[in-house]
Amino acid sequence: MSTVFDDRICELGEGPLWHPVRQQLYWFDILGKRLLTRSGDTTNEWHFDEHCSAAGWVDRDTLLIASETGLWRFSLETGARELITPLEADNPVTRSNDGRADPWGGFWIGSMGKNAEKYAGSISRFYKGELRTLFTSITVSNAICFASDRSCVYYTDTHSRRVMRQDLDAVDGWPVGASTVFLDLRKEELNPDGAVIDAGGNMWVAQWGASRVAVYSPNGTFLKAVEIKAKQASCPAFGGPDLTTLYVTSAAVGLDAGPNDGMTFVAQGVGTGLPEYQVIL
């Protein structure tokens, strides 16, 4: 069972990141064009002039932030941004969406149409100064996360209701071979959104519109679900000193919002996560 962690309403809460050095949660309101954080009773937020959606940690005071036009070095101390590389900057239709650092120090980022235009999005990886597009014709990119043994990346086009599995090269983390289906949720009519892998290799995936985060074993068997007191749970993240705290963002967009829709939630002791990988720039 979850409780409210932060009651600020996000139109589209996404990209929760537990910073392992600061021991603090950061997350985005994509449509509100802001980055939020909370430590105890102290809150802060930064406002942007474009959509921003996901981040990885570079060091104590620096994040890599994905926006609709680029990947940016962002200072948590000053709020200053420095462009690292453009991201679909010449395409006004798309914006960034789900993203996560990988075990090799790279950063994976998905894009989608600002109005969820069919097949307008893609998934790319930034690694050692190179941004390479890996998957195209994606409507709503989500669920980017990495197996605990580093063997593969998972991802989804939420529109397809299928989570894919892609093998990765052990040396540099680039895709090897073709993607295969890991979860097919079409019969259940469930919509996979953001996801994270726990210490046991299980996938925790938010299911948009179902008020829950569902847990699947490494072979795709359903294990359990954690109820979220908002209809549109969007992305989970593990945090806390021992990584046994589950944080979940949600979204109020498109709803005659209930009292908790768009808030960020917490569930204690439901699982044990892994530290977020560090981005190497």
C-alpha atoms as a PDB file:
ATOM      1  CA  MET A   1       0.000   0.000   0.000  1.00  0.00           C
ATOM      2  CA  SER A   2       1.341   3.425  -0.923  1.00  0.00           C
ATOM      3  CA  THR A   3       1.080   6.802   0.786  1.00  0.00           C
ATOM      4  CA  VAL A   4       1.692  10.311  -0.500  1.00  0.00           C
ATOM      5  CA  PHE A   5       5.366  11.309  -0.528  1.00  0.00           C
ATOM      6  CA  ASP A   6       4.885  14.737  -2.112  1.00  0.00           C
ATOM      7  CA  ASP A   7       1.535  16.429  -2.706  1.00  0.00           C
ATOM      8  CA  ARG A   8       2.603  18.808  -5.466  1.00  0.00           C
ATOM      9  CA  ILE A   9       0.404  18.007  -8.472  1.00  0.00           C
ATOM     10  CA  CYS A  10       2.285  17.029 -11.630  1.00  0.00           C
ATOM     11  CA  GLU A  11       0.485  17.186 -14.956  1.00  0.00           C
ATOM     12  CA  LEU A  12       2.801  14.378 -16.047  1.00  0.00           C
ATOM     13  CA  GLY A  13       5.100  13.152 -13.305  1.00  0.00           C
ATOM     14  CA  GLU A  14       7.986  11.076 -14.694  1.00  0.00           C
ATOM     15  CA  GLY A  15      11.647  10.122 -14.408  1.00  0.00           C
ATOM     16  CA  PRO A  16      12.100   9.612 -10.641  1.00  0.00           C
ATOM     17  CA  LEU A  17      15.810   9.358  -9.776  1.00  0.00           C
ATOM     18  CA  TRP A  18      17.227   8.491  -6.355  1.00  0.00           C
ATOM     19  CA  HIS A  19      20.592  10.256  -6.192  1.00  0.00           C
ATOM     20  CA  PRO A  20      22.850   7.803  -4.333  1.00  0.00           C
ATOM     21  CA  VAL A  21      25.310  10.470  -3.172  1.00  0.00           C
ATOM     22  CA  ARG A  22      22.803  13.099  -2.088  1.00  0.00           C
ATOM     23  CA  GLN A  23      20.365  10.454  -0.803  1.00  0.00           C
ATOM     24  CA  GLN A  24      17.541  12.458  -2.325  1.00  0.00           C
ATOM     25  CA  LEU A  25      14.744  11.924  -4.876  1.00  0.00           C
ATOM     26  CA  TYR A  26      14.445  14.015  -8.028  1.00  0.00           C
ATOM     27  CA  TRP A  27      11.612  13.782 -10.543  1.00  0.00           C
ATOM     28  CA  PHE A  28      10.031  15.688 -13.426  1.00  0.00           C
ATOM     29  CA  ASP A  29       6.698  17.208 -14.295  1.00  0.00           C
ATOM     30  CA  ILE A  30       7.159  16.947 -18.054  1.00  0.00           C
ATOM     31  CA  LEU A  31       4.169  19.042 -19.100  1.00  0.00           C
ATOM     32  CA  GLY A  32       4.771  21.485 -16.257  1.00  0.00           C
ATOM     33  CA  LYS A  33       8.364  21.898 -17.522  1.00  0.00           C
ATOM     34  CA  ARG A  34       9.959  21.510 -14.100  1.00  0.00           C
ATOM     35  CA  LEU A  35      12.286  19.341 -12.024  1.00  0.00           C
ATOM     36  CA  LEU A  36      11.230  18.671  -8.427  1.00  0.00           C
ATOM     37  CA  THR A  37      12.969  17.337  -5.335  1.00  0.00           C
ATOM     38  CA  ARG A  38      12.248  16.712  -1.681  1.00  0.00           C
ATOM     39  CA  SER A  39      14.475  15.949   1.312  1.00  0.00           C
ATOM     40  CA  GLY A  40      12.532  15.589   4.534  1.00  0.00           C
ATOM     41  CA  ASP A  41      10.253  18.611   4.728  1.00  0.00           C
ATOM     42  CA  THR A  42      12.460  20.672   2.405  1.00  0.00           C
ATOM     43  CA  THR A  43      11.280  20.951  -1.204  1.00  0.00           C
ATOM     44  CA  ASN A  44      12.738  22.629  -4.247  1.00  0.00           C
ATOM     45  CA  GLU A  45      11.980  22.865  -7.953  1.00  0.00           C
ATOM     46  CA  TRP A  46      13.543  24.244 -11.104  1.00  0.00           C
ATOM     47  CA  HIS A  47      11.545  25.582 -14.062  1.00  0.00           C
ATOM     48  CA  PHE A  48      12.533  25.225 -17.716  1.00  0.00           C
ATOM     49  CA  ASP A  49      11.458  26.789 -21.010  1.00  0.00           C
ATOM     50  CA  GLU A  50      10.949  23.369 -22.642  1.00  0.00           C
ATOM     51  CA  HIS A  51       9.836  19.845 -21.748  1.00  0.00           C
ATOM     52  CA  CYS A  52      12.366  17.878 -19.674  1.00  0.00           C
ATOM     53  CA  SER A  53      11.723  14.281 -18.711  1.00  0.00           C
ATOM     54  CA  ALA A  54      14.581  12.123 -17.399  1.00  0.00           C
ATOM     55  CA  ALA A  55      17.975  12.353 -15.744  1.00  0.00           C
ATOM     56  CA  GLY A  56      21.047  10.443 -14.673  1.00  0.00           C
ATOM     57  CA  TRP A  57      23.546  11.454 -12.006  1.00  0.00           C
ATOM     58  CA  VAL A  58      27.052  12.512 -13.034  1.00  0.00           C
ATOM     59  CA  ASP A  59      28.431  13.524  -9.634  1.00  0.00           C
ATOM     60  CA  ARG A  60      27.155  14.993  -6.388  1.00  0.00           C
ATOM     61  CA  ASP A  61      26.194  18.317  -7.902  1.00  0.00           C
ATOM     62  CA  THR A  62      25.564  17.432 -11.551  1.00  0.00           C
ATOM     63  CA  LEU A  63      22.802  15.674 -13.471  1.00  0.00           C
ATOM     64  CA  LEU A  64      22.535  14.767 -17.137  1.00  0.00           C
ATOM     65  CA  ILE A  65      19.031  15.945 -18.100  1.00  0.00           C
ATOM     66  CA  ALA A  66      17.091  15.012 -21.241  1.00  0.00           C
ATOM     67  CA  SER A  67      14.889  17.673 -22.816  1.00  0.00           C
ATOM     68  CA  GLU A  68      12.910  17.944 -26.018  1.00  0.00           C
ATOM     69  CA  THR A  69      15.945  19.443 -27.771  1.00  0.00           C
ATOM     70  CA  GLY A  70      19.013  17.933 -26.139  1.00  0.00           C
ATOM     71  CA  LEU A  71      20.989  16.261 -23.386  1.00  0.00           C
ATOM     72  CA  TRP A  72      22.254  18.809 -20.869  1.00  0.00           C
ATOM     73  CA  ARG A  73      24.729  19.014 -18.022  1.00  0.00           C
ATOM     74  CA  PHE A  74      22.690  20.490 -15.151  1.00  0.00           C
ATOM     75  CA  SER A  75      24.057  21.989 -11.932  1.00  0.00           C
ATOM     76  CA  LEU A  76      21.978  21.266  -8.838  1.00  0.00           C
ATOM     77  CA  GLU A  77      23.825  24.082  -7.068  1.00  0.00           C
ATOM     78  CA  THR A  78      23.318  26.899  -9.600  1.00  0.00           C
ATOM     79  CA  GLY A  79      20.565  25.632 -11.933  1.00  0.00           C
ATOM     80  CA  ALA A  80      22.827  26.294 -14.931  1.00  0.00           C
ATOM     81  CA  ARG A  81      22.468  24.115 -18.047  1.00  0.00           C
ATOM     82  CA  GLU A  82      25.155  23.288 -20.607  1.00  0.00           C
ATOM     83  CA  LEU A  83      24.279  21.482 -23.843  1.00  0.00           C
ATOM     84  CA  ILE A  84      26.070  18.158 -24.281  1.00  0.00           C
ATOM     85  CA  THR A  85      24.418  17.053 -27.538  1.00  0.00           C
ATOM     86  CA  PRO A  86      21.237  17.909 -29.471  1.00  0.00           C
ATOM     87  CA  LEU A  87      18.349  15.421 -29.263  1.00  0.00           C
ATOM     88  CA  GLU A  88      15.878  15.635 -32.164  1.00  0.00           C
ATOM     89  CA  ALA A  89      16.281  19.400 -31.915  1.00  0.00           C
ATOM     90  CA  ASP A  90      15.228  19.806 -35.556  1.00  0.00           C
ATOM     91  CA  ASN A  91      11.963  17.909 -35.002  1.00  0.00           C
ATOM     92  CA  PRO A  92       9.280  20.134 -33.414  1.00  0.00           C
ATOM     93  CA  VAL A  93       6.832  17.213 -33.217  1.00  0.00           C
ATOM     94  CA  THR A  94       8.731  15.225 -30.565  1.00  0.00           C
ATOM     95  CA  ARG A  95       9.939  15.570 -27.007  1.00  0.00           C
ATOM     96  CA  SER A  96      11.976  13.355 -24.694  1.00  0.00           C
ATOM     97  CA  ASN A  97      10.202  10.859 -22.450  1.00  0.00           C
ATOM     98  CA  ASP A  98      11.530   7.901 -20.434  1.00  0.00           C
ATOM     99  CA  GLY A  99      15.276   7.463 -19.895  1.00  0.00           C
ATOM    100  CA  ARG A 100      17.882   5.869 -17.634  1.00  0.00           C
ATOM    101  CA  ALA A 101      21.648   5.447 -17.210  1.00  0.00           C
ATOM    102  CA  ASP A 102      23.120   2.073 -18.128  1.00  0.00           C
ATOM    103  CA  PRO A 103      25.789  -0.084 -16.402  1.00  0.00           C
ATOM    104  CA  TRP A 104      28.517   1.152 -18.758  1.00  0.00           C
ATOM    105  CA  GLY A 105      27.988   4.830 -17.945  1.00  0.00           C
ATOM    106  CA  GLY A 106      25.865   5.525 -21.001  1.00  0.00           C
ATOM    107  CA  PHE A 107      22.391   7.066 -21.028  1.00  0.00           C
ATOM    108  CA  TRP A 108      19.348   5.751 -22.885  1.00  0.00           C
ATOM    109  CA  ILE A 109      16.552   8.142 -23.802  1.00  0.00           C
ATOM    110  CA  GLY A 110      13.236   7.692 -25.570  1.00  0.00           C
ATOM    111  CA  SER A 111      11.250  10.293 -27.475  1.00  0.00           C
ATOM    112  CA  MET A 112       7.598  10.565 -28.476  1.00  0.00           C
ATOM    113  CA  GLY A 113       5.247  12.945 -30.234  1.00  0.00           C
ATOM    114  CA  LYS A 114       4.056  15.822 -28.054  1.00  0.00           C
ATOM    115  CA  ASN A 115       0.524  14.727 -28.890  1.00  0.00           C
ATOM    116  CA  ALA A 116       1.425  11.013 -28.963  1.00  0.00           C
ATOM    117  CA  GLU A 117       1.553  11.017 -32.752  1.00  0.00           C
ATOM    118  CA  LYS A 118       1.786   7.415 -33.954  1.00  0.00           C
ATOM    119  CA  TYR A 119       5.302   6.112 -34.540  1.00  0.00           C
ATOM    120  CA  ALA A 120       6.897   9.571 -34.212  1.00  0.00           C
ATOM    121  CA  GLY A 121       9.296   8.561 -31.440  1.00  0.00           C
ATOM    122  CA  SER A 122      12.514   6.626 -31.044  1.00  0.00           C
ATOM    123  CA  ILE A 123      14.979   5.304 -28.457  1.00  0.00           C
ATOM    124  CA  SER A 124      18.613   6.412 -28.491  1.00  0.00           C
ATOM    125  CA  ARG A 125      21.758   5.854 -26.452  1.00  0.00           C
ATOM    126  CA  PHE A 126      24.432   8.410 -25.536  1.00  0.00           C
ATOM    127  CA  TYR A 127      27.795   6.773 -24.868  1.00  0.00           C
ATOM    128  CA  LYS A 128      31.348   8.132 -25.001  1.00  0.00           C
ATOM    129  CA  GLY A 129      30.224  11.304 -26.741  1.00  0.00           C
ATOM    130  CA  GLU A 130      28.061   9.595 -29.363  1.00  0.00           C
ATOM    131  CA  LEU A 131      24.255   9.755 -29.546  1.00  0.00           C
ATOM    132  CA  ARG A 132      23.030   6.811 -31.613  1.00  0.00           C
ATOM    133  CA  THR A 133      19.392   6.097 -32.533  1.00  0.00           C
ATOM    134  CA  LEU A 134      18.649   2.427 -31.865  1.00  0.00           C
ATOM    135  CA  PHE A 135      14.895   1.905 -32.270  1.00  0.00           C
ATOM    136  CA  THR A 136      12.457   3.930 -34.381  1.00  0.00           C
ATOM    137  CA  SER A 137       8.718   4.073 -35.163  1.00  0.00           C
ATOM    138  CA  ILE A 138       7.793   4.178 -31.473  1.00  0.00           C
ATOM    139  CA  THR A 139       4.648   5.959 -30.302  1.00  0.00           C
ATOM    140  CA  VAL A 140       5.224   6.234 -26.526  1.00  0.00           C
ATOM    141  CA  SER A 141       8.721   5.201 -25.377  1.00  0.00           C
ATOM    142  CA  ASN A 142       8.891   3.805 -21.847  1.00  0.00           C
ATOM    143  CA  ALA A 143      10.192   1.122 -19.431  1.00  0.00           C
ATOM    144  CA  ILE A 144      13.896   1.600 -20.220  1.00  0.00           C
ATOM    145  CA  CYS A 145      15.776  -0.424 -17.584  1.00  0.00           C
ATOM    146  CA  PHE A 146      18.609  -2.933 -17.378  1.00  0.00           C
ATOM    147  CA  ALA A 147      18.847  -6.515 -16.195  1.00  0.00           C
ATOM    148  CA  SER A 148      20.696  -6.880 -12.901  1.00  0.00           C
ATOM    149  CA  ASP A 149      23.274  -9.131 -14.622  1.00  0.00           C
ATOM    150  CA  ARG A 150      23.804  -6.489 -17.383  1.00  0.00           C
ATOM    151  CA  SER A 151      22.721  -8.978 -20.045  1.00  0.00           C
ATOM    152  CA  CYS A 152      19.957  -6.896 -21.622  1.00  0.00           C
ATOM    153  CA  VAL A 153      17.894  -3.728 -21.744  1.00  0.00           C
ATOM    154  CA  TYR A 154      14.113  -3.695 -21.529  1.00  0.00           C
ATOM    155  CA  TYR A 155      11.922  -1.115 -23.235  1.00  0.00           C
ATOM    156  CA  THR A 156       8.387  -0.637 -24.450  1.00  0.00           C
ATOM    157  CA  ASP A 157       6.210   1.277 -26.806  1.00  0.00           C
ATOM    158  CA  THR A 158       3.325   1.701 -24.365  1.00  0.00           C
ATOM    159  CA  HIS A 159       0.984   1.886 -27.352  1.00  0.00           C
ATOM    160  CA  SER A 160       1.890  -1.731 -28.238  1.00  0.00           C
ATOM    161  CA  ARG A 161       1.276  -3.096 -24.707  1.00  0.00           C
ATOM    162  CA  ARG A 162       4.401  -5.229 -25.071  1.00  0.00           C
ATOM    163  CA  VAL A 163       7.691  -4.929 -23.171  1.00  0.00           C
ATOM    164  CA  MET A 164      10.700  -5.906 -25.259  1.00  0.00           C
ATOM    165  CA  ARG A 165      14.013  -7.472 -24.297  1.00  0.00           C
ATOM    166  CA  GLN A 166      17.218  -6.592 -26.152  1.00  0.00           C
ATOM    167  CA  ASP A 167      20.548  -8.382 -25.552  1.00  0.00           C
ATOM    168  CA  LEU A 168      23.558  -6.133 -24.955  1.00  0.00           C
ATOM    169  CA  ASP A 169      27.250  -6.592 -25.630  1.00  0.00           C
ATOM    170  CA  ALA A 170      29.067  -7.308 -22.370  1.00  0.00           C
ATOM    171  CA  VAL A 171      31.978  -5.012 -23.230  1.00  0.00           C
ATOM    172  CA  ASP A 172      30.341  -1.786 -24.377  1.00  0.00           C
ATOM    173  CA  GLY A 173      26.595  -2.221 -23.882  1.00  0.00           C
ATOM    174  CA  TRP A 174      25.512  -1.777 -27.498  1.00  0.00           C
ATOM    175  CA  PRO A 175      22.600  -3.961 -28.728  1.00  0.00           C
ATOM    176  CA  VAL A 176      23.373  -7.409 -30.115  1.00  0.00           C
ATOM    177  CA  GLY A 177      20.864  -9.219 -32.349  1.00  0.00           C
ATOM    178  CA  ALA A 178      17.127  -8.572 -32.493  1.00  0.00           C
ATOM    179  CA  SER A 179      14.685  -7.649 -29.735  1.00  0.00           C
ATOM    180  CA  THR A 180      12.275 -10.257 -28.387  1.00  0.00           C
ATOM    181  CA  VAL A 181       9.027  -9.935 -26.443  1.00  0.00           C
ATOM    182  CA  PHE A 182       9.463 -10.097 -22.660  1.00  0.00           C
ATOM    183  CA  LEU A 183       5.884  -9.236 -21.594  1.00  0.00           C
ATOM    184  CA  ASP A 184       2.751  -9.241 -23.722  1.00  0.00           C
ATOM    185  CA  LEU A 185       0.009  -7.380 -21.857  1.00  0.00           C
ATOM    186  CA  ARG A 186      -2.478  -7.079 -24.709  1.00  0.00           C
ATOM    187  CA  LYS A 187      -4.920  -9.669 -23.343  1.00  0.00           C
ATOM    188  CA  GLU A 188      -5.003  -7.951 -19.957  1.00  0.00           C
ATOM    189  CA  GLU A 189      -5.299  -4.561 -21.697  1.00  0.00           C
ATOM    190  CA  LEU A 190      -2.570  -3.177 -19.433  1.00  0.00           C
ATOM    191  CA  ASN A 191      -0.386  -0.244 -20.461  1.00  0.00           C
ATOM    192  CA  PRO A 192       3.295  -0.570 -19.448  1.00  0.00           C
ATOM    193  CA  ASP A 193       4.871   2.749 -18.497  1.00  0.00           C
ATOM    194  CA  GLY A 194       8.105   3.419 -16.596  1.00  0.00           C
ATOM    195  CA  ALA A 195       9.985   0.469 -15.079  1.00  0.00           C
ATOM    196  CA  VAL A 196      12.936  -0.407 -12.861  1.00  0.00           C
ATOM    197  CA  ILE A 197      14.774  -3.648 -12.025  1.00  0.00           C
ATOM    198  CA  ASP A 198      15.239  -4.748  -8.399  1.00  0.00           C
ATOM    199  CA  ALA A 199      18.130  -6.564  -6.710  1.00  0.00           C
ATOM    200  CA  GLY A 200      16.601  -9.938  -7.582  1.00  0.00           C
ATOM    201  CA  GLY A 201      16.306  -9.113 -11.279  1.00  0.00           C
ATOM    202  CA  ASN A 202      12.538  -8.583 -11.129  1.00  0.00           C
ATOM    203  CA  MET A 203      10.876  -5.842 -13.162  1.00  0.00           C
ATOM    204  CA  TRP A 204       8.678  -3.277 -11.415  1.00  0.00           C
ATOM    205  CA  VAL A 205       6.569  -1.584 -14.094  1.00  0.00           C
ATOM    206  CA  ALA A 206       4.005   1.152 -13.624  1.00  0.00           C
ATOM    207  CA  GLN A 207       0.779   0.365 -15.469  1.00  0.00           C
ATOM    208  CA  TRP A 208      -0.841   3.532 -16.743  1.00  0.00           C
ATOM    209  CA  GLY A 209      -4.535   3.717 -15.912  1.00  0.00           C
ATOM    210  CA  ALA A 210      -4.451   0.721 -13.524  1.00  0.00           C
ATOM    211  CA  SER A 211      -3.436   2.455 -10.246  1.00  0.00           C
ATOM    212  CA  ARG A 212      -0.544   0.086  -9.662  1.00  0.00           C
ATOM    213  CA  VAL A 213       3.048  -0.980 -10.129  1.00  0.00           C
ATOM    214  CA  ALA A 214       3.226  -4.642 -11.165  1.00  0.00           C
ATOM    215  CA  VAL A 215       6.186  -6.926 -10.475  1.00  0.00           C
ATOM    216  CA  TYR A 216       7.378  -9.619 -12.913  1.00  0.00           C
ATOM    217  CA  SER A 217      10.117 -12.196 -12.451  1.00  0.00           C
ATOM    218  CA  PRO A 218      13.114 -12.399 -14.829  1.00  0.00           C
ATOM    219  CA  ASN A 219      11.165 -14.964 -16.890  1.00  0.00           C
ATOM    220  CA  GLY A 220       8.090 -12.727 -17.122  1.00  0.00           C
ATOM    221  CA  THR A 221       5.912 -14.361 -14.449  1.00  0.00           C
ATOM    222  CA  PHE A 222       3.586 -11.989 -12.608  1.00  0.00           C
ATOM    223  CA  LEU A 223       4.525 -11.888  -8.904  1.00  0.00           C
ATOM    224  CA  LYS A 224       2.475  -9.138  -7.255  1.00  0.00           C
ATOM    225  CA  ALA A 225       1.284  -5.560  -7.572  1.00  0.00           C
ATOM    226  CA  VAL A 226       1.633  -2.486  -5.354  1.00  0.00           C
ATOM    227  CA  GLU A 227      -1.450  -0.285  -5.317  1.00  0.00           C
ATOM    228  CA  ILE A 228      -0.915   3.406  -6.082  1.00  0.00           C
ATOM    229  CA  LYS A 229      -3.613   5.821  -4.937  1.00  0.00           C
ATOM    230  CA  ALA A 230      -3.738   7.580  -8.303  1.00  0.00           C
ATOM    231  CA  LYS A 231      -5.121   6.300 -11.584  1.00  0.00           C
ATOM    232  CA  GLN A 232      -2.122   7.075 -13.776  1.00  0.00           C
ATOM    233  CA  ALA A 233       0.994   5.678 -12.096  1.00  0.00           C
ATOM    234  CA  SER A 234       3.856   6.554 -14.423  1.00  0.00           C
ATOM    235  CA  CYS A 235       7.282   5.431 -13.155  1.00  0.00           C
ATOM    236  CA  PRO A 236       8.835   3.707 -10.104  1.00  0.00           C
ATOM    237  CA  ALA A 237      12.246   4.152  -8.483  1.00  0.00           C
ATOM    238  CA  PHE A 238      13.878   2.550  -5.457  1.00  0.00           C
ATOM    239  CA  GLY A 239      15.559   4.768  -2.890  1.00  0.00           C
ATOM    240  CA  GLY A 240      16.305   5.329   0.756  1.00  0.00           C
ATOM    241  CA  PRO A 241      19.491   4.381   2.655  1.00  0.00           C
ATOM    242  CA  ASP A 242      18.984   0.653   2.022  1.00  0.00           C
ATOM    243  CA  LEU A 243      17.055   0.990  -1.263  1.00  0.00           C
ATOM    244  CA  THR A 244      13.898  -0.560   0.214  1.00  0.00           C
ATOM    245  CA  THR A 245      11.693   2.477  -0.392  1.00  0.00           C
ATOM    246  CA  LEU A 246       9.644   2.488  -3.587  1.00  0.00           C
ATOM    247  CA  TYR A 247       8.795   5.896  -5.036  1.00  0.00           C
ATOM    248  CA  VAL A 248       6.208   6.245  -7.804  1.00  0.00           C
ATOM    249  CA  THR A 249       5.287   9.287  -9.883  1.00  0.00           C
ATOM    250  CA  SER A 250       1.808   9.842 -11.305  1.00  0.00           C
ATOM    251  CA  ALA A 251      -0.001  12.130 -13.732  1.00  0.00           C
ATOM    252  CA  ALA A 252      -3.133  14.260 -13.617  1.00  0.00           C
ATOM    253  CA  VAL A 253      -3.224  14.978 -17.357  1.00  0.00           C
ATOM    254  CA  GLY A 254      -6.431  13.979 -19.128  1.00  0.00           C
ATOM    255  CA  LEU A 255      -8.336  13.278 -15.915  1.00  0.00           C
ATOM    256  CA  ASP A 256     -11.144  14.860 -14.004  1.00  0.00           C
ATOM    257  CA  ALA A 257      -8.496  14.598 -11.338  1.00  0.00           C
ATOM    258  CA  GLY A 258      -9.110  12.745  -8.108  1.00  0.00           C
ATOM    259  CA  PRO A 259      -7.611  14.055  -4.861  1.00  0.00           C
ATOM    260  CA  ASN A 260      -4.256  12.281  -5.354  1.00  0.00           C
ATOM    261  CA  ASP A 261      -3.806  12.264  -9.129  1.00  0.00           C
ATOM    262  CA  GLY A 262      -0.482  13.813 -10.097  1.00  0.00           C
ATOM    263  CA  MET A 263       1.109  13.385  -6.673  1.00  0.00           C
ATOM    264  CA  THR A 264       4.233  11.329  -5.965  1.00  0.00           C
ATOM    265  CA  PHE A 265       3.891   8.241  -3.779  1.00  0.00           C
ATOM    266  CA  VAL A 266       5.980   6.056  -1.498  1.00  0.00           C
ATOM    267  CA  ALA A 267       5.716   2.438  -0.345  1.00  0.00           C
ATOM    268  CA  GLN A 268       8.043   1.130   2.342  1.00  0.00           C
ATOM    269  CA  GLY A 269       9.610  -2.315   2.463  1.00  0.00           C
ATOM    270  CA  VAL A 270       7.927  -3.796  -0.615  1.00  0.00           C
ATOM    271  CA  GLY A 271      11.196  -4.715  -2.342  1.00  0.00           C
ATOM    272  CA  THR A 272      14.895  -3.951  -2.576  1.00  0.00           C
ATOM    273  CA  GLY A 273      16.318  -1.992  -5.472  1.00  0.00           C
ATOM    274  CA  LEU A 274      19.714  -1.388  -7.041  1.00  0.00           C
ATOM    275  CA  PRO A 275      21.705   1.866  -7.030  1.00  0.00           C
ATOM    276  CA  GLU A 276      21.231   4.013 -10.128  1.00  0.00           C
ATOM    277  CA  TYR A 277      24.209   3.798 -12.459  1.00  0.00           C
ATOM    278  CA  GLN A 278      26.465   6.831 -12.803  1.00  0.00           C
ATOM    279  CA  VAL A 279      26.583   8.649 -16.147  1.00  0.00           C
ATOM    280  CA  ILE A 280      30.134   9.060 -17.454  1.00  0.00           C
ATOM    281  CA  LEU A 281      30.489  12.155 -19.633  1.00  0.00           C
END
